[in-house]
Amino acid sequence: MQELDFELDRDHVELNQLLKLSGLCDSGGAGKAIVASGAVSVDGQRELRKTCKIHAGQTVTLGDVIIRVVAV
């Protein structure tokens, strides 16, 4: 399992953009497709809202990758 820390420098980031900025997909559109497929979990719960607001302290999981969102 791969673990990444994403440093959040604002109030929130949209889920599809987080996937892009973390390098898990090439574009926001690809991120939306991944979220829509049901492959993404936020804090252990499947998330289908493509532009769900992700805040510092939350954890996003895609496959065997865990992204911890931390405040800067």
PDB file of N, CA and C in Angstrom:
ATOM      1  N   MET A   1       0.840  -1.186   0.000  1.00  0.00           N
ATOM      2  CA  MET A   1       0.000   0.000   0.000  1.00  0.00           C
ATOM      3  C   MET A   1       0.878   1.241   0.000  1.00  0.00           C
ATOM      4  N   GLN A   2       0.556   2.183  -0.864  1.00  0.00           N
ATOM      5  CA  GLN A   2       1.312   3.432  -0.976  1.00  0.00           C
ATOM      6  C   GLN A   2       0.579   4.530  -0.215  1.00  0.00           C
ATOM      7  N   GLU A   3       1.329   5.302   0.556  1.00  0.00           N
ATOM      8  CA  GLU A   3       0.739   6.405   1.312  1.00  0.00           C
ATOM      9  C   GLU A   3       1.366   7.718   0.869  1.00  0.00           C
ATOM     10  N   LEU A   4       0.500   8.700   0.583  1.00  0.00           N
ATOM     11  CA  LEU A   4       0.947  10.021   0.161  1.00  0.00           C
ATOM     12  C   LEU A   4       0.401  11.066   1.128  1.00  0.00           C
ATOM     13  N   ASP A   5       1.186  12.105   1.381  1.00  0.00           N
ATOM     14  CA  ASP A   5       0.693  13.256   2.134  1.00  0.00           C
ATOM     15  C   ASP A   5       0.474  14.379   1.128  1.00  0.00           C
ATOM     16  N   PHE A   6      -0.721  14.956   1.123  1.00  0.00           N
ATOM     17  CA  PHE A   6      -1.031  16.087   0.253  1.00  0.00           C
ATOM     18  C   PHE A   6      -1.135  17.321   1.134  1.00  0.00           C
ATOM     19  N   GLU A   7      -0.286  18.310   0.893  1.00  0.00           N
ATOM     20  CA  GLU A   7      -0.283  19.531   1.692  1.00  0.00           C
ATOM     21  C   GLU A   7      -1.304  20.511   1.134  1.00  0.00           C
ATOM     22  N   LEU A   8      -2.328  20.778   1.899  1.00  0.00           N
ATOM     23  CA  LEU A   8      -3.424  21.656   1.495  1.00  0.00           C
ATOM     24  C   LEU A   8      -3.116  23.086   1.931  1.00  0.00           C
ATOM     25  N   ASP A   9      -3.009  23.982   0.948  1.00  0.00           N
ATOM     26  CA  ASP A   9      -2.649  25.371   1.243  1.00  0.00           C
ATOM     27  C   ASP A   9      -3.846  26.310   1.159  1.00  0.00           C
ATOM     28  N   ARG A  10      -5.044  25.763   1.212  1.00  0.00           N
ATOM     29  CA  ARG A  10      -6.285  26.553   1.158  1.00  0.00           C
ATOM     30  C   ARG A  10      -7.331  25.850   2.014  1.00  0.00           C
ATOM     31  N   ASP A  11      -8.557  26.338   1.989  1.00  0.00           N
ATOM     32  CA  ASP A  11      -9.616  25.767   2.827  1.00  0.00           C
ATOM     33  C   ASP A  11      -9.979  24.345   2.420  1.00  0.00           C
ATOM     34  N   HIS A  12     -10.056  24.104   1.101  1.00  0.00           N
ATOM     35  CA  HIS A  12     -10.435  22.772   0.621  1.00  0.00           C
ATOM     36  C   HIS A  12      -9.932  22.564  -0.810  1.00  0.00           C
ATOM     37  N   VAL A  13     -10.011  21.326  -1.261  1.00  0.00           N
ATOM     38  CA  VAL A  13      -9.721  20.987  -2.648  1.00  0.00           C
ATOM     39  C   VAL A  13     -10.815  20.027  -3.101  1.00  0.00           C
ATOM     40  N   GLU A  14     -11.250  20.170  -4.356  1.00  0.00           N
ATOM     41  CA  GLU A  14     -12.275  19.261  -4.873  1.00  0.00           C
ATOM     42  C   GLU A  14     -11.648  17.888  -5.092  1.00  0.00           C
ATOM     43  N   LEU A  15     -12.437  16.849  -4.855  1.00  0.00           N
ATOM     44  CA  LEU A  15     -11.936  15.478  -4.906  1.00  0.00           C
ATOM     45  C   LEU A  15     -11.285  15.149  -6.244  1.00  0.00           C
ATOM     46  N   ASN A  16     -11.933  15.505  -7.351  1.00  0.00           N
ATOM     47  CA  ASN A  16     -11.349  15.188  -8.660  1.00  0.00           C
ATOM     48  C   ASN A  16     -10.011  15.904  -8.860  1.00  0.00           C
ATOM     49  N   GLN A  17      -9.891  17.123  -8.351  1.00  0.00           N
ATOM     50  CA  GLN A  17      -8.641  17.864  -8.467  1.00  0.00           C
ATOM     51  C   GLN A  17      -7.552  17.279  -7.558  1.00  0.00           C
ATOM     52  N   LEU A  18      -7.950  16.756  -6.412  1.00  0.00           N
ATOM     53  CA  LEU A  18      -6.989  16.120  -5.514  1.00  0.00           C
ATOM     54  C   LEU A  18      -6.341  14.923  -6.206  1.00  0.00           C
ATOM     55  N   LEU A  19      -7.135  14.131  -6.902  1.00  0.00           N
ATOM     56  CA  LEU A  19      -6.586  12.983  -7.620  1.00  0.00           C
ATOM     57  C   LEU A  19      -5.588  13.438  -8.684  1.00  0.00           C
ATOM     58  N   LYS A  20      -5.917  14.523  -9.373  1.00  0.00           N
ATOM     59  CA  LYS A  20      -5.016  15.068 -10.396  1.00  0.00           C
ATOM     60  C   LYS A  20      -3.737  15.608  -9.756  1.00  0.00           C
ATOM     61  N   LEU A  21      -3.878  16.438  -8.730  1.00  0.00           N
ATOM     62  CA  LEU A  21      -2.726  17.071  -8.096  1.00  0.00           C
ATOM     63  C   LEU A  21      -1.817  16.064  -7.391  1.00  0.00           C
ATOM     64  N   SER A  22      -2.381  14.917  -7.010  1.00  0.00           N
ATOM     65  CA  SER A  22      -1.591  13.867  -6.364  1.00  0.00           C
ATOM     66  C   SER A  22      -0.903  12.969  -7.385  1.00  0.00           C
ATOM     67  N   GLY A  23      -1.192  13.183  -8.665  1.00  0.00           N
ATOM     68  CA  GLY A  23      -0.552  12.398  -9.714  1.00  0.00           C
ATOM     69  C   GLY A  23      -1.215  11.066 -10.003  1.00  0.00           C
ATOM     70  N   LEU A  24      -2.443  10.876  -9.506  1.00  0.00           N
ATOM     71  CA  LEU A  24      -3.133   9.600  -9.720  1.00  0.00           C
ATOM     72  C   LEU A  24      -3.908   9.565 -11.031  1.00  0.00           C
ATOM     73  N   CYS A  25      -4.066  10.717 -11.670  1.00  0.00           N
ATOM     74  CA  CYS A  25      -4.691  10.786 -12.991  1.00  0.00           C
ATOM     75  C   CYS A  25      -4.137  12.014 -13.709  1.00  0.00           C
ATOM     76  N   ASP A  26      -4.389  12.083 -15.016  1.00  0.00           N
ATOM     77  CA  ASP A  26      -3.790  13.139 -15.834  1.00  0.00           C
ATOM     78  C   ASP A  26      -4.575  14.440 -15.873  1.00  0.00           C
ATOM     79  N   SER A  27      -5.883  14.396 -15.554  1.00  0.00           N
ATOM     80  CA  SER A  27      -6.696  15.603 -15.662  1.00  0.00           C
ATOM     81  C   SER A  27      -7.844  15.557 -14.665  1.00  0.00           C
ATOM     82  N   GLY A  28      -8.471  16.728 -14.476  1.00  0.00           N
ATOM     83  CA  GLY A  28      -9.649  16.785 -13.615  1.00  0.00           C
ATOM     84  C   GLY A  28     -10.781  15.942 -14.170  1.00  0.00           C
ATOM     85  N   GLY A  29     -10.893  15.903 -15.502  1.00  0.00           N
ATOM     86  CA  GLY A  29     -11.932  15.081 -16.136  1.00  0.00           C
ATOM     87  C   GLY A  29     -11.724  13.606 -15.868  1.00  0.00           C
ATOM     88  N   ALA A  30     -10.475  13.166 -15.930  1.00  0.00           N
ATOM     89  CA  ALA A  30     -10.166  11.772 -15.618  1.00  0.00           C
ATOM     90  C   ALA A  30     -10.467  11.493 -14.141  1.00  0.00           C
ATOM     91  N   GLY A  31     -10.188  12.482 -13.283  1.00  0.00           N
ATOM     92  CA  GLY A  31     -10.506  12.345 -11.858  1.00  0.00           C
ATOM     93  C   GLY A  31     -11.996  12.183 -11.632  1.00  0.00           C
ATOM     94  N   LYS A  32     -12.808  12.955 -12.380  1.00  0.00           N
ATOM     95  CA  LYS A  32     -14.265  12.837 -12.267  1.00  0.00           C
ATOM     96  C   LYS A  32     -14.731  11.444 -12.658  1.00  0.00           C
ATOM     97  N   ALA A  33     -14.143  10.889 -13.715  1.00  0.00           N
ATOM     98  CA  ALA A  33     -14.521   9.547 -14.172  1.00  0.00           C
ATOM     99  C   ALA A  33     -14.164   8.491 -13.129  1.00  0.00           C
ATOM    100  N   ILE A  34     -13.010   8.649 -12.503  1.00  0.00           N
ATOM    101  CA  ILE A  34     -12.593   7.693 -11.466  1.00  0.00           C
ATOM    102  C   ILE A  34     -13.547   7.746 -10.283  1.00  0.00           C
ATOM    103  N   VAL A  35     -13.902   8.956  -9.854  1.00  0.00           N
ATOM    104  CA  VAL A  35     -14.837   9.106  -8.725  1.00  0.00           C
ATOM    105  C   VAL A  35     -16.198   8.518  -9.094  1.00  0.00           C
ATOM    106  N   ALA A  36     -16.683   8.806 -10.300  1.00  0.00           N
ATOM    107  CA  ALA A  36     -17.988   8.315 -10.738  1.00  0.00           C
ATOM    108  C   ALA A  36     -18.036   6.794 -10.803  1.00  0.00           C
ATOM    109  N   SER A  37     -16.883   6.158 -10.998  1.00  0.00           N
ATOM    110  CA  SER A  37     -16.837   4.695 -11.083  1.00  0.00           C
ATOM    111  C   SER A  37     -17.017   4.029  -9.719  1.00  0.00           C
ATOM    112  N   GLY A  38     -16.938   4.818  -8.643  1.00  0.00           N
ATOM    113  CA  GLY A  38     -17.110   4.262  -7.299  1.00  0.00           C
ATOM    114  C   GLY A  38     -15.826   3.735  -6.688  1.00  0.00           C
ATOM    115  N   ALA A  39     -14.689   4.072  -7.288  1.00  0.00           N
ATOM    116  CA  ALA A  39     -13.410   3.526  -6.837  1.00  0.00           C
ATOM    117  C   ALA A  39     -12.758   4.329  -5.711  1.00  0.00           C
ATOM    118  N   VAL A  40     -13.347   5.464  -5.332  1.00  0.00           N
ATOM    119  CA  VAL A  40     -12.714   6.360  -4.362  1.00  0.00           C
ATOM    120  C   VAL A  40     -13.492   6.359  -3.044  1.00  0.00           C
ATOM    121  N   SER A  41     -12.738   6.315  -1.947  1.00  0.00           N
ATOM    122  CA  SER A  41     -13.341   6.424  -0.615  1.00  0.00           C
ATOM    123  C   SER A  41     -12.757   7.626   0.101  1.00  0.00           C
ATOM    124  N   VAL A  42     -13.599   8.307   0.878  1.00  0.00           N
ATOM    125  CA  VAL A  42     -13.174   9.425   1.715  1.00  0.00           C
ATOM    126  C   VAL A  42     -13.494   9.047   3.150  1.00  0.00           C
ATOM    127  N   ASP A  43     -12.475   9.014   3.979  1.00  0.00           N
ATOM    128  CA  ASP A  43     -12.629   8.619   5.387  1.00  0.00           C
ATOM    129  C   ASP A  43     -13.354   7.280   5.514  1.00  0.00           C
ATOM    130  N   GLY A  44     -13.032   6.345   4.612  1.00  0.00           N
ATOM    131  CA  GLY A  44     -13.575   4.990   4.693  1.00  0.00           C
ATOM    132  C   GLY A  44     -14.935   4.792   4.059  1.00  0.00           C
ATOM    133  N   GLN A  45     -15.545   5.832   3.526  1.00  0.00           N
ATOM    134  CA  GLN A  45     -16.872   5.738   2.908  1.00  0.00           C
ATOM    135  C   GLN A  45     -16.761   6.019   1.414  1.00  0.00           C
ATOM    136  N   ARG A  46     -17.390   5.182   0.587  1.00  0.00           N
ATOM    137  CA  ARG A  46     -17.347   5.413  -0.858  1.00  0.00           C
ATOM    138  C   ARG A  46     -17.945   6.772  -1.174  1.00  0.00           C
ATOM    139  N   GLU A  47     -17.263   7.513  -2.037  1.00  0.00           N
ATOM    140  CA  GLU A  47     -17.692   8.872  -2.399  1.00  0.00           C
ATOM    141  C   GLU A  47     -17.934   8.937  -3.899  1.00  0.00           C
ATOM    142  N   LEU A  48     -19.145   9.362  -4.283  1.00  0.00           N
ATOM    143  CA  LEU A  48     -19.515   9.458  -5.691  1.00  0.00           C
ATOM    144  C   LEU A  48     -19.645  10.899  -6.171  1.00  0.00           C
ATOM    145  N   ARG A  49     -19.545  11.864  -5.258  1.00  0.00           N
ATOM    146  CA  ARG A  49     -19.621  13.280  -5.642  1.00  0.00           C
ATOM    147  C   ARG A  49     -18.255  13.718  -6.165  1.00  0.00           C
ATOM    148  N   LYS A  50     -18.199  14.014  -7.448  1.00  0.00           N
ATOM    149  CA  LYS A  50     -16.932  14.305  -8.120  1.00  0.00           C
ATOM    150  C   LYS A  50     -16.232  15.538  -7.559  1.00  0.00           C
ATOM    151  N   THR A  51     -17.006  16.532  -7.166  1.00  0.00           N
ATOM    152  CA  THR A  51     -16.413  17.772  -6.668  1.00  0.00           C
ATOM    153  C   THR A  51     -16.604  17.927  -5.156  1.00  0.00           C
ATOM    154  N   CYS A  52     -16.683  16.810  -4.471  1.00  0.00           N
ATOM    155  CA  CYS A  52     -16.776  16.811  -3.010  1.00  0.00           C
ATOM    156  C   CYS A  52     -15.603  17.608  -2.440  1.00  0.00           C
ATOM    157  N   LYS A  53     -15.879  18.473  -1.469  1.00  0.00           N
ATOM    158  CA  LYS A  53     -14.823  19.296  -0.866  1.00  0.00           C
ATOM    159  C   LYS A  53     -14.052  18.469   0.156  1.00  0.00           C
ATOM    160  N   ILE A  54     -12.748  18.395  -0.057  1.00  0.00           N
ATOM    161  CA  ILE A  54     -11.866  17.658   0.838  1.00  0.00           C
ATOM    162  C   ILE A  54     -11.077  18.659   1.668  1.00  0.00           C
ATOM    163  N   HIS A  55     -11.090  18.454   2.984  1.00  0.00           N
ATOM    164  CA  HIS A  55     -10.441  19.364   3.923  1.00  0.00           C
ATOM    165  C   HIS A  55      -9.256  18.678   4.595  1.00  0.00           C
ATOM    166  N   ALA A  56      -8.392  19.486   5.200  1.00  0.00           N
ATOM    167  CA  ALA A  56      -7.265  18.948   5.961  1.00  0.00           C
ATOM    168  C   ALA A  56      -7.789  18.003   7.041  1.00  0.00           C
ATOM    169  N   GLY A  57      -7.091  16.905   7.230  1.00  0.00           N
ATOM    170  CA  GLY A  57      -7.477  15.915   8.227  1.00  0.00           C
ATOM    171  C   GLY A  57      -8.227  14.735   7.638  1.00  0.00           C
ATOM    172  N   GLN A  58      -8.658  14.849   6.381  1.00  0.00           N
ATOM    173  CA  GLN A  58      -9.378  13.754   5.748  1.00  0.00           C
ATOM    174  C   GLN A  58      -8.405  12.822   5.034  1.00  0.00           C
ATOM    175  N   THR A  59      -8.866  11.596   4.797  1.00  0.00           N
ATOM    176  CA  THR A  59      -8.082  10.581   4.115  1.00  0.00           C
ATOM    177  C   THR A  59      -8.861  10.099   2.897  1.00  0.00           C
ATOM    178  N   VAL A  60      -8.193  10.049   1.750  1.00  0.00           N
ATOM    179  CA  VAL A  60      -8.800   9.605   0.496  1.00  0.00           C
ATOM    180  C   VAL A  60      -8.084   8.331   0.051  1.00  0.00           C
ATOM    181  N   THR A  61      -8.855   7.318  -0.349  1.00  0.00           N
ATOM    182  CA  THR A  61      -8.288   6.051  -0.783  1.00  0.00           C
ATOM    183  C   THR A  61      -8.734   5.744  -2.199  1.00  0.00           C
ATOM    184  N   LEU A  62      -7.769   5.352  -3.032  1.00  0.00           N
ATOM    185  CA  LEU A  62      -8.033   4.899  -4.393  1.00  0.00           C
ATOM    186  C   LEU A  62      -7.176   3.664  -4.616  1.00  0.00           C
ATOM    187  N   GLY A  63      -7.828   2.520  -4.729  1.00  0.00           N
ATOM    188  CA  GLY A  63      -7.082   1.268  -4.887  1.00  0.00           C
ATOM    189  C   GLY A  63      -6.182   1.041  -3.691  1.00  0.00           C
ATOM    190  N   ASP A  64      -4.884   0.880  -3.956  1.00  0.00           N
ATOM    191  CA  ASP A  64      -3.939   0.648  -2.857  1.00  0.00           C
ATOM    192  C   ASP A  64      -3.174   1.916  -2.474  1.00  0.00           C
ATOM    193  N   VAL A  65      -3.732   3.079  -2.852  1.00  0.00           N
ATOM    194  CA  VAL A  65      -3.097   4.359  -2.521  1.00  0.00           C
ATOM    195  C   VAL A  65      -3.950   5.106  -1.496  1.00  0.00           C
ATOM    196  N   ILE A  66      -3.301   5.561  -0.447  1.00  0.00           N
ATOM    197  CA  ILE A  66      -3.958   6.353   0.591  1.00  0.00           C
ATOM    198  C   ILE A  66      -3.366   7.762   0.544  1.00  0.00           C
ATOM    199  N   ILE A  67      -4.231   8.761   0.444  1.00  0.00           N
ATOM    200  CA  ILE A  67      -3.792  10.153   0.452  1.00  0.00           C
ATOM    201  C   ILE A  67      -4.272  10.787   1.751  1.00  0.00           C
ATOM    202  N   ARG A  68      -3.316  11.226   2.568  1.00  0.00           N
ATOM    203  CA  ARG A  68      -3.650  11.955   3.789  1.00  0.00           C
ATOM    204  C   ARG A  68      -3.553  13.441   3.476  1.00  0.00           C
ATOM    205  N   VAL A  69      -4.629  14.163   3.715  1.00  0.00           N
ATOM    206  CA  VAL A  69      -4.649  15.596   3.437  1.00  0.00           C
ATOM    207  C   VAL A  69      -4.260  16.333   4.720  1.00  0.00           C
ATOM    208  N   VAL A  70      -3.161  17.079   4.623  1.00  0.00           N
ATOM    209  CA  VAL A  70      -2.633  17.770   5.797  1.00  0.00           C
ATOM    210  C   VAL A  70      -2.574  19.267   5.529  1.00  0.00           C
ATOM    211  N   ALA A  71      -2.781  20.051   6.562  1.00  0.00           N
ATOM    212  CA  ALA A  71      -2.692  21.508   6.456  1.00  0.00           C
ATOM    213  C   ALA A  71      -1.240  21.925   6.382  1.00  0.00           C
ATOM    214  N   VAL A  72      -0.985  22.992   5.647  1.00  0.00           N
ATOM    215  CA  VAL A  72       0.392  23.527   5.544  1.00  0.00           C
ATOM    216  C   VAL A  72       0.650  24.416   6.734  1.00  0.00           C
TER     217      VAL A  72
END
